[in-house]
Amino acid sequence: MNRELINVIEQIAKERGISKETLISTLESALLSAAKKRYGSIQDMEITIDPKTGAIDARKIIDGEPVPNVDLKDLGRIAAQTAKQVIIQKVKEAERAVIYNEFKDKVGQVINCVVLRQERGSYIVDLGTTEGILPQREQMPREVYKRSDRFRAYIIDVKTSSKGPQIVLSRTHPSFVAKLFEMEVPEIYEGIVEIKGVVREAGDRTKIAVYSKDPSVDPVGACVGMKGSRVQAIVRELKGEKIDIIPWIDDPNILIAKALSPAVVEKVGINEEEKSALVVVSDQQLSLAIGKKGQNVRLAVRLTGWDIDIMSESEYEKVRKDELDKEVSAAISEESVDAE
């Protein structure tokens, strides 16, 4: 054990991204473990490695004082093999710690992925320094990938396991869309435009409400981009998912009408106590306002936080006429009673 040992340690440290001090400490622990296995009668022992020369000093501790009388050359083949195994394990643990520390602060970020393989419906992907997993529940409907395909995903969790850190990814999380807009729209990244809410039914439609802190900046226009360039880049990443971008407005009447985009709303009546709204649209716009299987109105409810009932104009006029007829009938009845 000499300077050659230090050269090896420094090379491993550089290749694996582990500090030299950590590796020296690991090697000291490994040799101590091997020595104690060889000399079972020695309960207290101290082994140190000089970080400059690689010289190893082994001592046993008697009455709290180190006594240099242990000859490491006598450890033998079994002890050396034990030391090697411990070093390998410690290096693995150190590597896992480095990976965990690298990714634990990346939860909530978007990362580039390269597909490696598929296991029980989940995709295992290459993240550069480690692998990640895109579980089946976090995959967008109808998305199929093959080896070497590339996509972006949102980091939702970093877990520890016996096999090392597990980086859990999602392509269905609403915040994935929010982060994509932040990456594509400088005004959002700089804090000029704020995302007030994102609701999503992955693979079909997203609604995002945006607000500008600068009156001179149109939040919707900033997100759409020149000739739709910014939003179309996100639509491509989401494999054609429809995206409705609406301005966030404090007036609930206007906000609800905007949230039902792409439908055009004729009237909005609200009940603030019940936080409910009645929306009237033309007969031609009714199916668009409700959406396929109620999707459009369902997303609008989640985005605004208001319960929304939608009625066609002809239905609304009929209800008004029926109520007016009832009022007239009641008034006539009162007049008849008065006349008697």
C-alpha atoms as a PDB file:
ATOM      1  CA  MET A   1       0.000   0.000   0.000  1.00  0.00           C
ATOM      2  CA  ASN A   2       1.685   3.238  -1.129  1.00  0.00           C
ATOM      3  CA  ARG A   3       1.285   6.188  -3.449  1.00  0.00           C
ATOM      4  CA  GLU A   4      -0.210   3.824  -6.053  1.00  0.00           C
ATOM      5  CA  LEU A   5      -3.173   3.311  -3.698  1.00  0.00           C
ATOM      6  CA  ILE A   6      -3.781   7.059  -3.517  1.00  0.00           C
ATOM      7  CA  ASN A   7      -3.623   7.279  -7.339  1.00  0.00           C
ATOM      8  CA  VAL A   8      -6.315   4.588  -7.583  1.00  0.00           C
ATOM      9  CA  ILE A   9      -8.461   6.368  -4.977  1.00  0.00           C
ATOM     10  CA  GLU A  10      -8.136   9.668  -6.824  1.00  0.00           C
ATOM     11  CA  GLN A  11      -9.059   8.007 -10.121  1.00  0.00           C
ATOM     12  CA  ILE A  12     -12.157   6.357  -8.612  1.00  0.00           C
ATOM     13  CA  ALA A  13     -13.136   9.648  -6.973  1.00  0.00           C
ATOM     14  CA  LYS A  14     -12.955  11.433 -10.329  1.00  0.00           C
ATOM     15  CA  GLU A  15     -14.812   8.765 -12.302  1.00  0.00           C
ATOM     16  CA  ARG A  16     -17.562   8.153  -9.737  1.00  0.00           C
ATOM     17  CA  GLY A  17     -18.011  11.686  -8.443  1.00  0.00           C
ATOM     18  CA  ILE A  18     -17.178  10.637  -4.867  1.00  0.00           C
ATOM     19  CA  SER A  19     -14.882  12.687  -2.661  1.00  0.00           C
ATOM     20  CA  LYS A  20     -11.377  11.409  -2.017  1.00  0.00           C
ATOM     21  CA  GLU A  21     -11.947  11.759   1.736  1.00  0.00           C
ATOM     22  CA  THR A  22     -15.046   9.544   1.551  1.00  0.00           C
ATOM     23  CA  LEU A  23     -13.147   6.812  -0.290  1.00  0.00           C
ATOM     24  CA  ILE A  24     -10.223   6.884   2.141  1.00  0.00           C
ATOM     25  CA  SER A  25     -12.640   6.636   5.057  1.00  0.00           C
ATOM     26  CA  THR A  26     -14.393   3.756   3.263  1.00  0.00           C
ATOM     27  CA  LEU A  27     -11.106   1.929   2.724  1.00  0.00           C
ATOM     28  CA  GLU A  28     -10.143   2.416   6.359  1.00  0.00           C
ATOM     29  CA  SER A  29     -13.471   0.901   7.439  1.00  0.00           C
ATOM     30  CA  ALA A  30     -13.014  -1.987   5.000  1.00  0.00           C
ATOM     31  CA  LEU A  31      -9.546  -2.821   6.242  1.00  0.00           C
ATOM     32  CA  LEU A  32     -10.687  -2.562   9.843  1.00  0.00           C
ATOM     33  CA  SER A  33     -13.516  -4.995   9.101  1.00  0.00           C
ATOM     34  CA  ALA A  34     -11.102  -7.424   7.440  1.00  0.00           C
ATOM     35  CA  ALA A  35      -8.556  -7.147  10.266  1.00  0.00           C
ATOM     36  CA  LYS A  36     -11.147  -7.823  12.951  1.00  0.00           C
ATOM     37  CA  LYS A  37     -12.334 -10.868  11.031  1.00  0.00           C
ATOM     38  CA  ARG A  38      -8.747 -12.171  10.872  1.00  0.00           C
ATOM     39  CA  TYR A  39      -7.865 -11.286  14.473  1.00  0.00           C
ATOM     40  CA  GLY A  40     -11.059 -12.129  16.314  1.00  0.00           C
ATOM     41  CA  SER A  41      -9.409 -11.527  19.692  1.00  0.00           C
ATOM     42  CA  ILE A  42      -8.743  -7.876  18.922  1.00  0.00           C
ATOM     43  CA  GLN A  43     -11.890  -5.961  19.840  1.00  0.00           C
ATOM     44  CA  ASP A  44     -10.537  -2.429  19.637  1.00  0.00           C
ATOM     45  CA  MET A  45      -8.464  -1.496  16.628  1.00  0.00           C
ATOM     46  CA  GLU A  46      -7.672   1.670  14.693  1.00  0.00           C
ATOM     47  CA  ILE A  47      -6.549   1.836  11.057  1.00  0.00           C
ATOM     48  CA  THR A  48      -5.609   5.044   9.268  1.00  0.00           C
ATOM     49  CA  ILE A  49      -4.405   5.781   5.730  1.00  0.00           C
ATOM     50  CA  ASP A  50      -2.176   8.749   4.975  1.00  0.00           C
ATOM     51  CA  PRO A  51      -4.035  10.742   2.241  1.00  0.00           C
ATOM     52  CA  LYS A  52      -0.736  11.839   0.657  1.00  0.00           C
ATOM     53  CA  THR A  53       1.485   8.756   0.758  1.00  0.00           C
ATOM     54  CA  GLY A  54      -1.051   5.938   1.067  1.00  0.00           C
ATOM     55  CA  ALA A  55       0.827   4.523   4.061  1.00  0.00           C
ATOM     56  CA  ILE A  56      -1.381   2.373   6.308  1.00  0.00           C
ATOM     57  CA  ASP A  57      -1.032   2.529  10.079  1.00  0.00           C
ATOM     58  CA  ALA A  58      -2.751  -0.217  12.085  1.00  0.00           C
ATOM     59  CA  ARG A  59      -2.960  -0.078  15.850  1.00  0.00           C
ATOM     60  CA  LYS A  60      -4.875  -1.804  18.567  1.00  0.00           C
ATOM     61  CA  ILE A  61      -6.295   0.256  21.401  1.00  0.00           C
ATOM     62  CA  ILE A  62      -5.272  -0.633  24.966  1.00  0.00           C
ATOM     63  CA  ASP A  63      -6.716   1.415  27.831  1.00  0.00           C
ATOM     64  CA  GLY A  64      -7.717   4.071  25.340  1.00  0.00           C
ATOM     65  CA  GLU A  65      -4.192   4.391  23.918  1.00  0.00           C
ATOM     66  CA  PRO A  66      -3.193   3.192  20.388  1.00  0.00           C
ATOM     67  CA  VAL A  67      -0.378   0.630  20.310  1.00  0.00           C
ATOM     68  CA  PRO A  68       1.266   0.051  16.887  1.00  0.00           C
ATOM     69  CA  ASN A  69       1.747  -3.714  16.915  1.00  0.00           C
ATOM     70  CA  VAL A  70      -0.597  -5.095  14.242  1.00  0.00           C
ATOM     71  CA  ASP A  71       1.040  -6.371  11.034  1.00  0.00           C
ATOM     72  CA  LEU A  72      -1.430  -6.042   8.120  1.00  0.00           C
ATOM     73  CA  LYS A  73       0.726  -8.271   5.883  1.00  0.00           C
ATOM     74  CA  ASP A  74      -0.620 -11.241   7.835  1.00  0.00           C
ATOM     75  CA  LEU A  75      -4.262 -10.575   7.002  1.00  0.00           C
ATOM     76  CA  GLY A  76      -4.190 -13.224   4.292  1.00  0.00           C
ATOM     77  CA  ARG A  77      -6.209 -13.855   1.155  1.00  0.00           C
ATOM     78  CA  ILE A  78      -9.610 -14.191   2.913  1.00  0.00           C
ATOM     79  CA  ALA A  79      -9.187 -10.916   4.762  1.00  0.00           C
ATOM     80  CA  ALA A  80      -8.148  -9.159   1.539  1.00  0.00           C
ATOM     81  CA  GLN A  81     -11.215 -10.511  -0.249  1.00  0.00           C
ATOM     82  CA  THR A  82     -13.404  -9.314   2.608  1.00  0.00           C
ATOM     83  CA  ALA A  83     -11.858  -5.861   2.365  1.00  0.00           C
ATOM     84  CA  LYS A  84     -12.538  -5.819  -1.392  1.00  0.00           C
ATOM     85  CA  GLN A  85     -16.192  -6.734  -0.901  1.00  0.00           C
ATOM     86  CA  VAL A  86     -16.676  -4.086   1.754  1.00  0.00           C
ATOM     87  CA  ILE A  87     -15.026  -1.472  -0.467  1.00  0.00           C
ATOM     88  CA  ILE A  88     -17.325  -2.372  -3.371  1.00  0.00           C
ATOM     89  CA  GLN A  89     -20.378  -2.118  -1.110  1.00  0.00           C
ATOM     90  CA  LYS A  90     -19.255   1.162   0.399  1.00  0.00           C
ATOM     91  CA  VAL A  91     -18.547   2.630  -3.034  1.00  0.00           C
ATOM     92  CA  LYS A  92     -22.025   1.591  -4.169  1.00  0.00           C
ATOM     93  CA  GLU A  93     -23.568   3.228  -1.110  1.00  0.00           C
ATOM     94  CA  ALA A  94     -21.561   6.389  -1.745  1.00  0.00           C
ATOM     95  CA  GLU A  95     -22.656   6.422  -5.403  1.00  0.00           C
ATOM     96  CA  ARG A  96     -26.277   6.000  -4.351  1.00  0.00           C
ATOM     97  CA  ALA A  97     -25.945   8.869  -1.906  1.00  0.00           C
ATOM     98  CA  VAL A  98     -24.491  11.077  -4.651  1.00  0.00           C
ATOM     99  CA  ILE A  99     -27.381  10.205  -6.997  1.00  0.00           C
ATOM    100  CA  TYR A 100     -29.990  10.732  -4.276  1.00  0.00           C
ATOM    101  CA  ASN A 101     -28.526  14.126  -3.365  1.00  0.00           C
ATOM    102  CA  GLU A 102     -28.423  15.061  -7.052  1.00  0.00           C
ATOM    103  CA  PHE A 103     -32.113  14.313  -7.652  1.00  0.00           C
ATOM    104  CA  LYS A 104     -33.841  14.979  -4.311  1.00  0.00           C
ATOM    105  CA  ASP A 105     -33.861  18.709  -5.039  1.00  0.00           C
ATOM    106  CA  LYS A 106     -35.078  18.139  -8.608  1.00  0.00           C
ATOM    107  CA  VAL A 107     -38.582  17.033  -7.601  1.00  0.00           C
ATOM    108  CA  GLY A 108     -40.937  19.295  -9.526  1.00  0.00           C
ATOM    109  CA  GLN A 109     -38.575  19.713 -12.477  1.00  0.00           C
ATOM    110  CA  VAL A 110     -38.774  18.458 -16.062  1.00  0.00           C
ATOM    111  CA  ILE A 111     -36.032  16.131 -17.267  1.00  0.00           C
ATOM    112  CA  ASN A 112     -35.014  14.572 -20.600  1.00  0.00           C
ATOM    113  CA  CYS A 113     -35.439  10.784 -20.802  1.00  0.00           C
ATOM    114  CA  VAL A 114     -34.221   8.053 -23.135  1.00  0.00           C
ATOM    115  CA  VAL A 115     -36.166   4.775 -23.097  1.00  0.00           C
ATOM    116  CA  LEU A 116     -34.111   1.740 -22.074  1.00  0.00           C
ATOM    117  CA  ARG A 117     -36.763  -0.963 -21.669  1.00  0.00           C
ATOM    118  CA  GLN A 118     -40.271  -1.743 -20.487  1.00  0.00           C
ATOM    119  CA  GLU A 119     -40.987  -3.710 -17.314  1.00  0.00           C
ATOM    120  CA  ARG A 120     -44.523  -4.755 -16.329  1.00  0.00           C
ATOM    121  CA  GLY A 121     -46.064  -1.787 -18.096  1.00  0.00           C
ATOM    122  CA  SER A 122     -43.586   0.778 -16.720  1.00  0.00           C
ATOM    123  CA  TYR A 123     -40.843   2.391 -18.795  1.00  0.00           C
ATOM    124  CA  ILE A 124     -37.286   2.363 -17.441  1.00  0.00           C
ATOM    125  CA  VAL A 125     -35.434   5.380 -18.805  1.00  0.00           C
ATOM    126  CA  ASP A 126     -31.894   6.722 -18.860  1.00  0.00           C
ATOM    127  CA  LEU A 127     -31.537  10.049 -17.033  1.00  0.00           C
ATOM    128  CA  GLY A 128     -27.804  10.420 -17.653  1.00  0.00           C
ATOM    129  CA  THR A 129     -26.318   9.516 -14.273  1.00  0.00           C
ATOM    130  CA  THR A 130     -28.980   6.991 -13.267  1.00  0.00           C
ATOM    131  CA  GLU A 131     -32.227   5.348 -14.353  1.00  0.00           C
ATOM    132  CA  GLY A 132     -35.769   6.577 -13.773  1.00  0.00           C
ATOM    133  CA  ILE A 133     -39.167   4.920 -13.919  1.00  0.00           C
ATOM    134  CA  LEU A 134     -42.316   6.115 -15.680  1.00  0.00           C
ATOM    135  CA  PRO A 135     -45.068   4.008 -14.060  1.00  0.00           C
ATOM    136  CA  GLN A 136     -48.045   2.956 -16.137  1.00  0.00           C
ATOM    137  CA  ARG A 137     -50.382   5.169 -14.096  1.00  0.00           C
ATOM    138  CA  GLU A 138     -48.244   8.221 -14.974  1.00  0.00           C
ATOM    139  CA  GLN A 139     -48.238   7.555 -18.726  1.00  0.00           C
ATOM    140  CA  MET A 140     -50.473   9.455 -21.108  1.00  0.00           C
ATOM    141  CA  PRO A 141     -53.181   7.409 -22.843  1.00  0.00           C
ATOM    142  CA  ARG A 142     -52.207   5.837 -26.145  1.00  0.00           C
ATOM    143  CA  GLU A 143     -48.508   6.679 -25.714  1.00  0.00           C
ATOM    144  CA  VAL A 144     -46.207   3.849 -26.780  1.00  0.00           C
ATOM    145  CA  TYR A 145     -42.419   4.023 -26.761  1.00  0.00           C
ATOM    146  CA  LYS A 146     -39.649   1.787 -27.990  1.00  0.00           C
ATOM    147  CA  ARG A 147     -35.990   1.559 -27.003  1.00  0.00           C
ATOM    148  CA  SER A 148     -33.987   4.782 -27.606  1.00  0.00           C
ATOM    149  CA  ASP A 149     -37.137   6.935 -27.927  1.00  0.00           C
ATOM    150  CA  ARG A 150     -36.805  10.325 -26.236  1.00  0.00           C
ATOM    151  CA  PHE A 151     -39.327  12.353 -24.273  1.00  0.00           C
ATOM    152  CA  ARG A 152     -39.547  14.784 -21.369  1.00  0.00           C
ATOM    153  CA  ALA A 153     -41.135  13.953 -18.021  1.00  0.00           C
ATOM    154  CA  TYR A 154     -41.853  15.556 -14.651  1.00  0.00           C
ATOM    155  CA  ILE A 155     -40.070  14.294 -11.515  1.00  0.00           C
ATOM    156  CA  ILE A 156     -42.766  13.604  -8.907  1.00  0.00           C
ATOM    157  CA  ASP A 157     -40.740  11.694  -6.313  1.00  0.00           C
ATOM    158  CA  VAL A 158     -37.282  10.427  -5.378  1.00  0.00           C
ATOM    159  CA  LYS A 159     -37.470   7.316  -3.215  1.00  0.00           C
ATOM    160  CA  THR A 160     -34.773   5.323  -1.448  1.00  0.00           C
ATOM    161  CA  SER A 161     -34.687   1.543  -1.753  1.00  0.00           C
ATOM    162  CA  SER A 162     -32.302  -1.359  -1.208  1.00  0.00           C
ATOM    163  CA  LYS A 163     -31.330  -1.090  -4.867  1.00  0.00           C
ATOM    164  CA  GLY A 164     -30.627   2.621  -4.633  1.00  0.00           C
ATOM    165  CA  PRO A 165     -32.601   5.802  -5.367  1.00  0.00           C
ATOM    166  CA  GLN A 166     -35.736   5.440  -7.488  1.00  0.00           C
ATOM    167  CA  ILE A 167     -36.582   8.477  -9.624  1.00  0.00           C
ATOM    168  CA  VAL A 168     -40.352   8.425 -10.251  1.00  0.00           C
ATOM    169  CA  LEU A 169     -41.570  10.317 -13.328  1.00  0.00           C
ATOM    170  CA  SER A 170     -44.909  11.510 -14.683  1.00  0.00           C
ATOM    171  CA  ARG A 171     -46.281  12.767 -17.987  1.00  0.00           C
ATOM    172  CA  THR A 172     -49.848  13.162 -16.704  1.00  0.00           C
ATOM    173  CA  HIS A 173     -49.317  15.577 -13.793  1.00  0.00           C
ATOM    174  CA  PRO A 174     -50.836  19.051 -14.357  1.00  0.00           C
ATOM    175  CA  SER A 175     -47.602  20.642 -13.128  1.00  0.00           C
ATOM    176  CA  PHE A 176     -45.809  18.970 -16.049  1.00  0.00           C
ATOM    177  CA  VAL A 177     -47.706  21.288 -18.383  1.00  0.00           C
ATOM    178  CA  ALA A 178     -47.027  24.275 -16.120  1.00  0.00           C
ATOM    179  CA  LYS A 179     -43.280  23.539 -16.221  1.00  0.00           C
ATOM    180  CA  LEU A 180     -43.338  23.152 -20.010  1.00  0.00           C
ATOM    181  CA  PHE A 181     -44.895  26.607 -20.292  1.00  0.00           C
ATOM    182  CA  GLU A 182     -42.258  27.981 -17.926  1.00  0.00           C
ATOM    183  CA  MET A 183     -39.559  26.524 -20.189  1.00  0.00           C
ATOM    184  CA  GLU A 184     -41.138  27.839 -23.414  1.00  0.00           C
ATOM    185  CA  VAL A 185     -42.398  31.257 -22.248  1.00  0.00           C
ATOM    186  CA  PRO A 186     -39.713  33.702 -21.011  1.00  0.00           C
ATOM    187  CA  GLU A 187     -42.368  35.936 -19.424  1.00  0.00           C
ATOM    188  CA  ILE A 188     -43.395  33.067 -17.118  1.00  0.00           C
ATOM    189  CA  TYR A 189     -39.801  32.143 -16.283  1.00  0.00           C
ATOM    190  CA  GLU A 190     -39.046  35.795 -15.447  1.00  0.00           C
ATOM    191  CA  GLY A 191     -42.151  36.103 -13.260  1.00  0.00           C
ATOM    192  CA  ILE A 192     -43.942  38.687 -15.410  1.00  0.00           C
ATOM    193  CA  VAL A 193     -46.716  36.229 -16.271  1.00  0.00           C
ATOM    194  CA  GLU A 194     -48.032  34.014 -13.488  1.00  0.00           C
ATOM    195  CA  ILE A 195     -49.790  30.667 -13.875  1.00  0.00           C
ATOM    196  CA  LYS A 196     -52.869  30.835 -11.642  1.00  0.00           C
ATOM    197  CA  GLY A 197     -54.137  27.333 -12.267  1.00  0.00           C
ATOM    198  CA  VAL A 198     -53.747  24.238 -14.434  1.00  0.00           C
ATOM    199  CA  VAL A 199     -56.297  21.436 -14.785  1.00  0.00           C
ATOM    200  CA  ARG A 200     -55.881  18.511 -17.064  1.00  0.00           C
ATOM    201  CA  GLU A 201     -57.264  15.274 -18.390  1.00  0.00           C
ATOM    202  CA  ALA A 202     -54.022  13.924 -19.788  1.00  0.00           C
ATOM    203  CA  GLY A 203     -54.000  13.061 -23.470  1.00  0.00           C
ATOM    204  CA  ASP A 204     -57.206  15.000 -24.184  1.00  0.00           C
ATOM    205  CA  ARG A 205     -57.365  18.566 -22.861  1.00  0.00           C
ATOM    206  CA  THR A 206     -55.636  21.020 -20.527  1.00  0.00           C
ATOM    207  CA  LYS A 207     -56.938  24.361 -19.306  1.00  0.00           C
ATOM    208  CA  ILE A 208     -54.423  26.864 -17.984  1.00  0.00           C
ATOM    209  CA  ALA A 209     -55.229  30.270 -16.500  1.00  0.00           C
ATOM    210  CA  VAL A 210     -52.554  32.968 -16.667  1.00  0.00           C
ATOM    211  CA  TYR A 211     -52.214  36.469 -15.231  1.00  0.00           C
ATOM    212  CA  SER A 212     -49.855  39.311 -16.171  1.00  0.00           C
ATOM    213  CA  LYS A 213     -48.293  41.515 -13.507  1.00  0.00           C
ATOM    214  CA  ASP A 214     -47.409  43.987 -16.259  1.00  0.00           C
ATOM    215  CA  PRO A 215     -50.464  45.664 -17.870  1.00  0.00           C
ATOM    216  CA  SER A 216     -48.527  46.042 -21.119  1.00  0.00           C
ATOM    217  CA  VAL A 217     -48.010  42.261 -21.440  1.00  0.00           C
ATOM    218  CA  ASP A 218     -50.851  40.100 -22.739  1.00  0.00           C
ATOM    219  CA  PRO A 219     -50.568  36.846 -20.741  1.00  0.00           C
ATOM    220  CA  VAL A 220     -52.447  34.740 -23.279  1.00  0.00           C
ATOM    221  CA  GLY A 221     -50.498  36.168 -26.217  1.00  0.00           C
ATOM    222  CA  ALA A 222     -47.206  35.532 -24.414  1.00  0.00           C
ATOM    223  CA  CYS A 223     -48.134  31.882 -23.897  1.00  0.00           C
ATOM    224  CA  VAL A 224     -49.364  31.393 -27.455  1.00  0.00           C
ATOM    225  CA  GLY A 225     -46.305  32.989 -29.038  1.00  0.00           C
ATOM    226  CA  MET A 226     -45.754  34.281 -32.544  1.00  0.00           C
ATOM    227  CA  LYS A 227     -48.072  32.344 -34.867  1.00  0.00           C
ATOM    228  CA  GLY A 228     -48.699  29.903 -32.019  1.00  0.00           C
ATOM    229  CA  SER A 229     -45.057  28.786 -31.894  1.00  0.00           C
ATOM    230  CA  ARG A 230     -44.795  28.487 -28.110  1.00  0.00           C
ATOM    231  CA  VAL A 231     -47.992  26.632 -27.387  1.00  0.00           C
ATOM    232  CA  GLN A 232     -47.523  24.373 -30.417  1.00  0.00           C
ATOM    233  CA  ALA A 233     -44.147  23.249 -29.081  1.00  0.00           C
ATOM    234  CA  ILE A 234     -45.937  22.105 -25.913  1.00  0.00           C
ATOM    235  CA  VAL A 235     -48.763  20.488 -27.873  1.00  0.00           C
ATOM    236  CA  ARG A 236     -46.181  18.463 -29.808  1.00  0.00           C
ATOM    237  CA  GLU A 237     -44.562  17.301 -26.573  1.00  0.00           C
ATOM    238  CA  LEU A 238     -48.014  16.246 -25.327  1.00  0.00           C
ATOM    239  CA  LYS A 239     -48.771  14.363 -28.556  1.00  0.00           C
ATOM    240  CA  GLY A 240     -51.556  16.659 -29.736  1.00  0.00           C
ATOM    241  CA  GLU A 241     -53.309  17.319 -26.413  1.00  0.00           C
ATOM    242  CA  LYS A 242     -55.630  20.340 -26.704  1.00  0.00           C
ATOM    243  CA  ILE A 243     -54.663  23.337 -24.579  1.00  0.00           C
ATOM    244  CA  ASP A 244     -57.031  26.182 -23.679  1.00  0.00           C
ATOM    245  CA  ILE A 245     -55.183  29.271 -22.412  1.00  0.00           C
ATOM    246  CA  ILE A 246     -57.408  31.756 -20.597  1.00  0.00           C
ATOM    247  CA  PRO A 247     -56.713  35.039 -18.796  1.00  0.00           C
ATOM    248  CA  TRP A 248     -57.215  34.925 -15.040  1.00  0.00           C
ATOM    249  CA  ILE A 249     -59.797  37.572 -14.100  1.00  0.00           C
ATOM    250  CA  ASP A 250     -61.087  38.304 -10.590  1.00  0.00           C
ATOM    251  CA  ASP A 251     -64.650  38.839 -11.869  1.00  0.00           C
ATOM    252  CA  PRO A 252     -66.191  35.315 -11.628  1.00  0.00           C
ATOM    253  CA  ASN A 253     -68.721  36.044 -14.388  1.00  0.00           C
ATOM    254  CA  ILE A 254     -65.955  36.713 -16.928  1.00  0.00           C
ATOM    255  CA  LEU A 255     -63.641  34.013 -15.540  1.00  0.00           C
ATOM    256  CA  ILE A 256     -66.338  31.334 -15.852  1.00  0.00           C
ATOM    257  CA  ALA A 257     -67.181  32.445 -19.404  1.00  0.00           C
ATOM    258  CA  LYS A 258     -63.492  32.298 -20.388  1.00  0.00           C
ATOM    259  CA  ALA A 259     -62.995  28.936 -18.681  1.00  0.00           C
ATOM    260  CA  LEU A 260     -65.621  27.354 -20.959  1.00  0.00           C
ATOM    261  CA  SER A 261     -63.484  28.159 -24.002  1.00  0.00           C
ATOM    262  CA  PRO A 262     -63.602  27.269 -26.865  1.00  0.00           C
ATOM    263  CA  ALA A 263     -67.387  27.733 -26.442  1.00  0.00           C
ATOM    264  CA  VAL A 264     -68.863  31.252 -26.669  1.00  0.00           C
ATOM    265  CA  VAL A 265     -71.000  32.140 -23.650  1.00  0.00           C
ATOM    266  CA  GLU A 266     -74.090  34.373 -23.887  1.00  0.00           C
ATOM    267  CA  LYS A 267     -74.952  34.935 -20.204  1.00  0.00           C
ATOM    268  CA  VAL A 268     -73.583  34.039 -16.774  1.00  0.00           C
ATOM    269  CA  GLY A 269     -75.535  34.289 -13.537  1.00  0.00           C
ATOM    270  CA  ILE A 270     -73.840  33.513 -10.234  1.00  0.00           C
ATOM    271  CA  ASN A 271     -74.904  32.652  -6.692  1.00  0.00           C
ATOM    272  CA  GLU A 272     -72.039  33.785  -4.483  1.00  0.00           C
ATOM    273  CA  GLU A 273     -73.341  32.090  -1.334  1.00  0.00           C
ATOM    274  CA  GLU A 274     -73.471  28.675  -2.992  1.00  0.00           C
ATOM    275  CA  LYS A 275     -70.560  29.506  -5.327  1.00  0.00           C
ATOM    276  CA  SER A 276     -72.588  28.230  -8.253  1.00  0.00           C
ATOM    277  CA  ALA A 277     -73.202  29.627 -11.715  1.00  0.00           C
ATOM    278  CA  LEU A 278     -75.829  29.277 -14.439  1.00  0.00           C
ATOM    279  CA  VAL A 279     -74.371  29.689 -17.904  1.00  0.00           C
ATOM    280  CA  VAL A 280     -76.432  30.258 -21.031  1.00  0.00           C
ATOM    281  CA  VAL A 281     -75.060  29.468 -24.485  1.00  0.00           C
ATOM    282  CA  SER A 282     -76.578  29.406 -27.937  1.00  0.00           C
ATOM    283  CA  ASP A 283     -78.126  26.124 -29.052  1.00  0.00           C
ATOM    284  CA  GLN A 284     -75.245  25.650 -31.499  1.00  0.00           C
ATOM    285  CA  GLN A 285     -72.638  26.096 -28.757  1.00  0.00           C
ATOM    286  CA  LEU A 286     -74.210  23.770 -26.178  1.00  0.00           C
ATOM    287  CA  SER A 287     -72.360  20.574 -27.047  1.00  0.00           C
ATOM    288  CA  LEU A 288     -69.067  22.478 -27.338  1.00  0.00           C
ATOM    289  CA  ALA A 289     -69.558  24.112 -23.931  1.00  0.00           C
ATOM    290  CA  ILE A 290     -70.305  20.792 -22.250  1.00  0.00           C
ATOM    291  CA  GLY A 291     -67.614  18.918 -24.145  1.00  0.00           C
ATOM    292  CA  LYS A 292     -67.233  15.238 -24.908  1.00  0.00           C
ATOM    293  CA  LYS A 293     -68.639  13.281 -21.969  1.00  0.00           C
ATOM    294  CA  GLY A 294     -68.823  16.567 -20.026  1.00  0.00           C
ATOM    295  CA  GLN A 295     -65.072  17.118 -20.157  1.00  0.00           C
ATOM    296  CA  ASN A 296     -65.069  20.847 -20.991  1.00  0.00           C
ATOM    297  CA  VAL A 297     -67.430  21.900 -18.225  1.00  0.00           C
ATOM    298  CA  ARG A 298     -65.775  19.482 -15.790  1.00  0.00           C
ATOM    299  CA  LEU A 299     -62.377  21.091 -16.346  1.00  0.00           C
ATOM    300  CA  ALA A 300     -63.901  24.588 -16.112  1.00  0.00           C
ATOM    301  CA  VAL A 301     -65.381  23.701 -12.712  1.00  0.00           C
ATOM    302  CA  ARG A 302     -61.987  22.512 -11.445  1.00  0.00           C
ATOM    303  CA  LEU A 303     -60.174  25.559 -12.830  1.00  0.00           C
ATOM    304  CA  THR A 304     -62.545  28.206 -11.435  1.00  0.00           C
ATOM    305  CA  GLY A 305     -63.721  26.464  -8.261  1.00  0.00           C
ATOM    306  CA  TRP A 306     -67.363  27.260  -9.135  1.00  0.00           C
ATOM    307  CA  ASP A 307     -70.181  24.764  -9.741  1.00  0.00           C
ATOM    308  CA  ILE A 308     -71.406  25.384 -13.278  1.00  0.00           C
ATOM    309  CA  ASP A 309     -74.743  24.471 -14.870  1.00  0.00           C
ATOM    310  CA  ILE A 310     -75.076  25.031 -18.611  1.00  0.00           C
ATOM    311  CA  MET A 311     -78.320  25.723 -20.422  1.00  0.00           C
ATOM    312  CA  SER A 312     -79.076  26.356 -24.096  1.00  0.00           C
ATOM    313  CA  GLU A 313     -80.660  29.661 -25.069  1.00  0.00           C
ATOM    314  CA  SER A 314     -83.887  28.040 -26.239  1.00  0.00           C
ATOM    315  CA  GLU A 315     -84.164  26.053 -22.994  1.00  0.00           C
ATOM    316  CA  TYR A 316     -83.441  29.194 -20.990  1.00  0.00           C
ATOM    317  CA  GLU A 317     -86.152  31.158 -22.844  1.00  0.00           C
ATOM    318  CA  LYS A 318     -88.628  28.344 -22.242  1.00  0.00           C
ATOM    319  CA  VAL A 319     -87.854  28.329 -18.511  1.00  0.00           C
ATOM    320  CA  ARG A 320     -88.221  32.108 -18.368  1.00  0.00           C
ATOM    321  CA  LYS A 321     -91.549  31.905 -20.217  1.00  0.00           C
ATOM    322  CA  ASP A 322     -92.817  29.211 -17.859  1.00  0.00           C
ATOM    323  CA  GLU A 323     -91.802  31.276 -14.833  1.00  0.00           C
ATOM    324  CA  LEU A 324     -93.405  34.392 -16.347  1.00  0.00           C
ATOM    325  CA  ASP A 325     -96.638  32.459 -16.999  1.00  0.00           C
ATOM    326  CA  LYS A 326     -96.633  31.291 -13.375  1.00  0.00           C
ATOM    327  CA  GLU A 327     -96.129  34.865 -12.159  1.00  0.00           C
ATOM    328  CA  VAL A 328     -98.987  36.121 -14.381  1.00  0.00           C
ATOM    329  CA  SER A 329    -101.268  33.312 -13.226  1.00  0.00           C
ATOM    330  CA  ALA A 330    -100.451  34.084  -9.588  1.00  0.00           C
ATOM    331  CA  ALA A 331    -101.140  37.775 -10.149  1.00  0.00           C
ATOM    332  CA  ILE A 332    -104.521  37.038 -11.818  1.00  0.00           C
ATOM    333  CA  SER A 333    -105.453  34.760  -8.924  1.00  0.00           C
ATOM    334  CA  GLU A 334    -104.642  37.528  -6.430  1.00  0.00           C
ATOM    335  CA  GLU A 335    -106.734  40.008  -8.403  1.00  0.00           C
ATOM    336  CA  SER A 336    -109.677  37.572  -8.401  1.00  0.00           C
ATOM    337  CA  VAL A 337    -109.461  37.172  -4.651  1.00  0.00           C
ATOM    338  CA  ASP A 338    -109.310  40.934  -4.155  1.00  0.00           C
ATOM    339  CA  ALA A 339    -112.364  41.396  -6.399  1.00  0.00           C
ATOM    340  CA  GLU A 340    -114.403  39.091  -4.213  1.00  0.00           C
END
